[in-house]
Structure formats: structure tokens, C-alpha cells
Amino acid sequence: MSIPKNPDPAKLVVGCIMNDKAAIEQLFSLIEETFGPVDMISRWLDFAYTDYYYKEMGSPLFRKVFVLKHLIAQDDLALIKEKTNDLETRFMRSGKRTVNIDPGYLVSSRFILATGKEYSHRIYIGRNIYADLTLMYSKKEGFKTLDWTYPDYASHTMMSFLSKVRDKYLLDLKASKGKKND
């Protein structure tokens, strides 16, 4: 018999795609206001892997990734996705998004993204939201892509950044467990 136990908290990672780099300052403020202090920020990441968002958002598109300081409960992801959807509406122009915000979380073994789109490999987590297993981590290989991993998350640049996030997460997790033992 398996004995249920609470999962470790996770590192909140918020990926943002936008057509105007100037929106980043307002977006940064809203993310901190909504989720707390930001711990790490990626440099501007290339986003030439798909034209999926061009019709709605135009081109070129730019990506920035924010990593939040405080660890979150893994089962908060659906609520977090609802909040990022609300943030996206603040940037809408003429009924179209100018910013796409994709929250996810990182734990030692995997990276998960939240989505409102159902698909065979996505698990329903409530509130009309699904969890997408985007990357898996192994000690031998580091982050590994899956058949459905989005090309931008499969890029060397993104996986290198997420490896640094994982290192920080492990330190934060150790510190949070140390506080519980005090």
C-alpha cells in the first residue's frame, strides 16, 4: 500500500511572450504584485520557434522568464493559471492579447506548465486547467525533452536557464525544510 504524503513545494516559473519589450516593466510589477518577489529573471530569449502567436500578437515576439522567490504548493497551479489569465487581459488591445503568460512549476524531477488546452498527455488539475509535463530531469542527462515539449522549452538556452533555476530551487527547498525542523 502506498502511503500518501504531502509533495515538496515547487518553484514558480512564469514564462512571458510579448510583442513589445517595453511592456516588461509593467508586467514585472504586476507579477510581483500578484505572486511576490521575483528571484531570477532570464535574459531575453529567442522566440523564433513557432508562428503560433503571430496572428494574434504580431511579430517579432520576445520571451522573458520570471522565477518567483517563494516556493508554492504544487496544487496551487490551476489557481495561478487563472491569475495569469487575468493579467493577460490587462494587456489586451482590440480584443487581442499582446502578452501571453504561461505559469508552471519546477521540482527536482520535472518542469510542468499550466494550460487551458486538453490533450492526451495533459492531466486535468481542476478549474478548467491542465498540467503539461514539459521536461523531465535525470541526474545523468539533466533536463530531457519529451515528444510534445514546446520547441522553445527544448532549446539549449531555456534548459540551461532552467538548470540554474533547479539549482536555486534545491537550495531553497533545503532551507525551507531546515526551518520546519527548527
Protein backbone atom coordinates (compact mmCIF):
# COMPACT_ATOMS: atom_id res chain seq x y z
CA MET A 1 0.00 0.00 0.00
CA SER A 2 1.29 3.44 -0.82
CA ILE A 3 1.02 5.99 1.95
CA PRO A 4 0.09 9.46 0.71
CA LYS A 5 2.31 12.30 1.84
CA ASN A 6 2.47 15.96 1.03
CA PRO A 7 4.61 16.72 -2.02
CA ASP A 8 7.53 19.08 -1.76
CA PRO A 9 6.75 22.69 -2.58
CA ALA A 10 7.75 23.88 -6.05
CA LYS A 11 9.48 26.84 -7.67
CA LEU A 12 7.01 29.03 -9.58
CA VAL A 13 8.24 29.82 -13.09
CA VAL A 14 6.33 32.30 -15.26
CA GLY A 15 7.14 32.44 -18.96
CA CYS A 16 6.01 35.55 -20.85
CA ILE A 17 5.79 36.12 -24.57
CA MET A 18 5.21 39.65 -25.83
CA ASN A 19 5.42 41.72 -28.97
CA ASP A 20 6.69 44.85 -27.23
CA LYS A 21 9.71 44.68 -24.93
CA ALA A 22 8.61 47.94 -23.30
CA ALA A 23 5.71 46.08 -21.65
CA ILE A 24 8.17 44.19 -19.47
CA GLU A 25 8.37 46.82 -16.72
CA GLN A 26 4.60 46.89 -16.17
CA LEU A 27 4.45 43.10 -16.44
CA PHE A 28 7.25 42.68 -13.90
CA SER A 29 5.39 44.92 -11.43
CA LEU A 30 2.13 43.01 -11.89
CA ILE A 31 3.83 39.63 -11.45
CA GLU A 32 5.46 40.78 -8.21
CA GLU A 33 2.21 42.33 -7.01
CA THR A 34 0.33 39.09 -7.73
CA PHE A 35 2.86 36.40 -6.74
CA GLY A 36 5.50 38.07 -4.57
CA PRO A 37 9.14 38.92 -5.17
CA VAL A 38 10.95 37.71 -8.26
CA ASP A 39 14.08 35.68 -7.55
CA MET A 40 15.55 35.19 -11.03
CA ILE A 41 14.89 36.61 -14.49
CA SER A 42 16.09 35.16 -17.78
CA ARG A 43 17.73 37.33 -20.35
CA TRP A 44 15.59 37.96 -23.42
CA LEU A 45 15.17 34.57 -25.04
CA ASP A 46 14.81 33.98 -28.75
CA PHE A 47 11.32 33.11 -29.81
CA ALA A 48 11.58 32.09 -33.43
CA TYR A 49 10.41 28.52 -32.93
CA THR A 50 6.78 28.93 -33.97
CA ASP A 51 4.43 31.34 -35.66
CA TYR A 52 1.52 30.14 -33.46
CA TYR A 53 1.05 33.53 -31.77
CA TYR A 54 1.77 35.79 -34.76
CA LYS A 55 -1.84 36.11 -35.94
CA GLU A 56 -2.99 37.33 -32.54
CA MET A 57 0.09 39.13 -31.25
CA GLY A 58 2.08 40.09 -34.32
CA SER A 59 5.80 39.61 -34.77
CA PRO A 60 8.54 39.58 -33.80
CA LEU A 61 7.86 38.10 -30.39
CA PHE A 62 10.11 38.13 -27.35
CA ARG A 63 10.27 35.82 -24.32
CA LYS A 64 11.26 36.54 -20.74
CA VAL A 65 11.03 34.07 -17.84
CA PHE A 66 10.46 35.10 -14.24
CA VAL A 67 11.19 32.81 -11.30
CA LEU A 68 9.48 33.67 -8.05
CA LYS A 69 11.30 33.69 -4.74
CA HIS A 70 8.78 31.87 -2.57
CA LEU A 71 8.05 28.20 -3.06
CA ILE A 72 4.45 27.27 -3.85
CA ALA A 73 2.21 24.29 -3.20
CA GLN A 74 2.05 22.20 -6.35
CA ASP A 75 -1.74 22.06 -6.16
CA ASP A 76 -1.94 25.86 -6.47
CA LEU A 77 -1.06 25.71 -10.18
CA ALA A 78 -4.63 25.90 -11.51
CA LEU A 79 -5.39 28.98 -9.40
CA ILE A 80 -2.10 30.56 -10.51
CA LYS A 81 -3.05 29.97 -14.17
CA GLU A 82 -6.38 31.73 -13.56
CA LYS A 83 -4.48 34.69 -12.13
CA THR A 84 -2.09 34.87 -15.10
CA ASN A 85 -5.07 34.72 -17.47
CA ASP A 86 -6.47 37.75 -15.61
CA LEU A 87 -3.13 39.54 -16.01
CA GLU A 88 -3.15 38.83 -19.75
CA THR A 89 -6.47 40.64 -20.12
CA ARG A 90 -4.87 43.83 -18.78
CA PHE A 91 -2.63 43.89 -21.85
CA MET A 92 -5.32 43.16 -24.44
CA ARG A 93 -5.74 45.60 -27.31
CA SER A 94 -8.75 45.43 -29.64
CA GLY A 95 -9.69 42.04 -28.19
CA LYS A 96 -6.26 40.52 -28.85
CA ARG A 97 -3.51 39.60 -26.43
CA THR A 98 -0.23 41.46 -26.60
CA VAL A 99 1.22 39.33 -23.79
CA ASN A 100 0.97 35.57 -23.24
CA ILE A 101 1.75 34.42 -19.69
CA ASP A 102 2.43 30.74 -19.03
CA PRO A 103 2.93 29.74 -15.40
CA GLY A 104 4.49 26.48 -14.40
CA TYR A 105 6.49 24.97 -11.64
CA LEU A 106 9.79 23.24 -11.27
CA VAL A 107 10.63 20.48 -8.81
CA SER A 108 13.76 18.35 -8.73
CA SER A 109 12.43 15.75 -11.19
CA ARG A 110 10.34 17.75 -13.67
CA PHE A 111 9.08 21.00 -15.12
CA ILE A 112 5.31 21.42 -15.52
CA LEU A 113 3.39 24.11 -17.42
CA ALA A 114 -0.27 25.02 -16.88
CA THR A 115 -2.63 25.24 -19.85
CA GLY A 116 -6.30 25.52 -20.59
CA LYS A 117 -5.95 23.18 -23.56
CA GLU A 118 -6.73 19.48 -23.12
CA TYR A 119 -4.56 16.90 -24.84
CA SER A 120 -3.69 13.23 -24.31
CA HIS A 121 -0.56 13.83 -22.21
CA ARG A 122 -2.07 16.60 -20.08
CA ILE A 123 -3.62 15.86 -16.70
CA TYR A 124 -6.66 17.77 -15.51
CA ILE A 125 -5.91 19.61 -12.25
CA GLY A 126 -9.18 21.47 -11.71
CA ARG A 127 -10.56 24.91 -12.51
CA ASN A 128 -10.58 24.04 -16.25
CA ILE A 129 -6.77 23.81 -16.22
CA TYR A 130 -4.42 21.00 -17.24
CA ALA A 131 -0.83 20.24 -16.23
CA ASP A 132 1.60 19.65 -19.09
CA LEU A 133 4.68 17.60 -18.25
CA THR A 134 7.12 19.66 -20.31
CA LEU A 135 10.58 18.45 -19.23
CA MET A 136 11.88 15.62 -17.07
CA TYR A 137 15.16 15.71 -15.16
CA SER A 138 17.66 12.90 -14.71
CA LYS A 139 20.98 13.11 -12.90
CA LYS A 140 22.81 11.62 -15.89
CA GLU A 141 21.31 13.74 -18.65
CA GLY A 142 19.90 16.84 -16.97
CA PHE A 143 16.65 18.08 -18.46
CA LYS A 144 15.18 15.82 -21.13
CA THR A 145 12.59 16.78 -23.67
CA LEU A 146 9.51 14.75 -24.47
CA ASP A 147 7.77 14.25 -27.81
CA TRP A 148 5.41 17.14 -27.03
CA THR A 149 7.85 19.59 -25.43
CA TYR A 150 7.41 23.03 -26.97
CA PRO A 151 10.46 23.88 -29.12
CA ASP A 152 11.31 27.00 -27.09
CA TYR A 153 11.41 24.93 -23.89
CA ALA A 154 13.53 22.32 -25.69
CA SER A 155 16.15 24.92 -26.62
CA HIS A 156 19.59 24.74 -25.08
CA THR A 157 19.23 28.30 -23.77
CA MET A 158 15.98 27.55 -21.93
CA MET A 159 17.18 24.24 -20.49
CA SER A 160 20.41 25.89 -19.32
CA PHE A 161 18.38 28.61 -17.58
CA LEU A 162 16.05 26.03 -16.00
CA SER A 163 19.07 24.08 -14.75
CA LYS A 164 20.14 27.19 -12.83
CA VAL A 165 16.57 27.54 -11.54
CA ARG A 166 16.70 23.91 -10.40
CA ASP A 167 19.96 24.54 -8.52
CA LYS A 168 18.37 27.51 -6.75
CA TYR A 169 15.22 25.50 -6.06
CA LEU A 170 17.21 22.74 -4.34
CA LEU A 171 18.88 25.33 -2.09
CA ASP A 172 15.52 26.94 -1.28
CA LEU A 173 13.92 23.56 -0.61
CA LYS A 174 16.72 22.58 1.75
CA ALA A 175 16.38 25.90 3.59
CA SER A 176 12.58 25.51 3.87
CA LYS A 177 12.97 22.01 5.33
CA GLY A 178 15.57 23.33 7.77
CA LYS A 179 13.11 25.97 9.01
CA LYS A 180 10.50 23.29 9.67
CA ASN A 181 12.96 21.36 11.84
CA ASP A 182 13.83 24.39 13.99
